[in-house]
C-alpha atoms as a PDB file:
ATOM      1  CA  UNK A   1      -0.081  -0.263  -0.022  1.00  0.00           C
ATOM      2  CA  UNK A   2       1.397   3.483  -0.698  1.00  0.00           C
ATOM      3  CA  UNK A   3      -0.361   6.602   0.852  1.00  0.00           C
ATOM      4  CA  UNK A   4      -0.639   9.407  -2.515  1.00  0.00           C
ATOM      5  CA  UNK A   5       0.922   6.479  -4.820  1.00  0.00           C
ATOM      6  CA  UNK A   6      -1.859   6.776  -7.546  1.00  0.00           C
ATOM      7  CA  UNK A   7       0.463   7.657 -10.466  1.00  0.00           C
ATOM      8  CA  UNK A   8       2.660   4.746  -9.791  1.00  0.00           C
ATOM      9  CA  UNK A   9       0.146   2.480  -8.730  1.00  0.00           C
ATOM     10  CA  UNK A  10      -1.180   2.364 -11.807  1.00  0.00           C
ATOM     11  CA  UNK A  11       2.069   2.061 -13.877  1.00  0.00           C
ATOM     12  CA  UNK A  12       3.174  -1.209 -11.557  1.00  0.00           C
ATOM     13  CA  UNK A  13       3.037  -4.709 -13.250  1.00  0.00           C
ATOM     14  CA  UNK A  14       0.692  -5.535 -10.161  1.00  0.00           C
ATOM     15  CA  UNK A  15      -0.943  -2.761  -9.369  1.00  0.00           C
ATOM     16  CA  UNK A  16      -0.652  -0.850  -5.661  1.00  0.00           C
ATOM     17  CA  UNK A  17      -3.540  -0.147  -3.314  1.00  0.00           C
ATOM     18  CA  UNK A  18      -3.025   3.275  -2.158  1.00  0.00           C
ATOM     19  CA  UNK A  19      -4.676   5.871  -0.011  1.00  0.00           C
ATOM     20  CA  UNK A  20      -5.284   8.816  -2.055  1.00  0.00           C
ATOM     21  CA  UNK A  21      -4.992  12.626  -0.496  1.00  0.00           C
ATOM     22  CA  UNK A  22      -5.619  15.558  -2.276  1.00  0.00           C
ATOM     23  CA  UNK A  23      -2.374  16.672  -2.186  1.00  0.00           C
ATOM     24  CA  UNK A  24      -2.620  19.578  -4.574  1.00  0.00           C
ATOM     25  CA  UNK A  25      -5.586  21.140  -2.216  1.00  0.00           C
ATOM     26  CA  UNK A  26      -3.717  20.529   0.841  1.00  0.00           C
ATOM     27  CA  UNK A  27      -0.280  22.569  -0.702  1.00  0.00           C
ATOM     28  CA  UNK A  28      -2.520  25.281  -1.692  1.00  0.00           C
ATOM     29  CA  UNK A  29      -4.295  25.804   1.701  1.00  0.00           C
ATOM     30  CA  UNK A  30      -1.128  25.372   3.137  1.00  0.00           C
ATOM     31  CA  UNK A  31       0.391  28.357   1.064  1.00  0.00           C
ATOM     32  CA  UNK A  32      -2.453  30.566   1.280  1.00  0.00           C
ATOM     33  CA  UNK A  33      -2.093  30.464   5.603  1.00  0.00           C
ATOM     34  CA  UNK A  34       1.816  30.870   4.899  1.00  0.00           C
ATOM     35  CA  UNK A  35       1.239  33.692   2.699  1.00  0.00           C
ATOM     36  CA  UNK A  36      -1.684  35.301   5.121  1.00  0.00           C
ATOM     37  CA  UNK A  37       0.805  34.985   8.798  1.00  0.00           C
ATOM     38  CA  UNK A  38       3.253  36.507   6.279  1.00  0.00           C
ATOM     39  CA  UNK A  39       1.014  39.894   4.878  1.00  0.00           C
ATOM     40  CA  UNK A  40      -0.685  39.994   8.713  1.00  0.00           C
ATOM     41  CA  UNK A  41       0.042  42.898  10.782  1.00  0.00           C
ATOM     42  CA  UNK A  42       2.879  41.735  13.638  1.00  0.00           C
ATOM     43  CA  UNK A  43       0.682  42.734  16.382  1.00  0.00           C
ATOM     44  CA  UNK A  44      -2.524  40.476  14.975  1.00  0.00           C
ATOM     45  CA  UNK A  45      -1.221  37.399  13.445  1.00  0.00           C
ATOM     46  CA  UNK A  46      -3.534  35.123  12.549  1.00  0.00           C
ATOM     47  CA  UNK A  47      -4.823  32.453  15.019  1.00  0.00           C
ATOM     48  CA  UNK A  48      -3.905  28.927  14.613  1.00  0.00           C
ATOM     49  CA  UNK A  49      -6.407  26.579  12.238  1.00  0.00           C
ATOM     50  CA  UNK A  50      -6.974  22.822  11.853  1.00  0.00           C
ATOM     51  CA  UNK A  51      -7.805  22.524   7.934  1.00  0.00           C
ATOM     52  CA  UNK A  52      -9.266  18.538   7.343  1.00  0.00           C
ATOM     53  CA  UNK A  53      -8.800  16.670   3.876  1.00  0.00           C
ATOM     54  CA  UNK A  54     -10.692  14.006   2.987  1.00  0.00           C
ATOM     55  CA  UNK A  55      -8.982  10.593   1.553  1.00  0.00           C
ATOM     56  CA  UNK A  56      -9.722   7.843  -0.140  1.00  0.00           C
ATOM     57  CA  UNK A  57      -8.696   4.081  -0.299  1.00  0.00           C
ATOM     58  CA  UNK A  58      -8.197   2.943  -3.905  1.00  0.00           C
ATOM     59  CA  UNK A  59      -8.239  -0.824  -4.044  1.00  0.00           C
ATOM     60  CA  UNK A  60      -6.139  -2.297  -6.833  1.00  0.00           C
ATOM     61  CA  UNK A  61      -4.497  -5.655  -6.964  1.00  0.00           C
ATOM     62  CA  UNK A  62      -2.346  -5.610  -3.878  1.00  0.00           C
ATOM     63  CA  UNK A  63      -5.480  -5.748  -1.732  1.00  0.00           C
END
């Protein structure tokens, strides 16, 4: 099993089961948080946030 191995999982001779996560969305959200932090007034920094993302189990031949 791999984590976010959707591209590699399909290319192998025996296709690999993977837990697919929205890596692009996770990166975009992280970048927005960092930019907001850097652009905010030092006296009023943004508070910490918890952001959840859904993942999907993609079963292939290795299950």
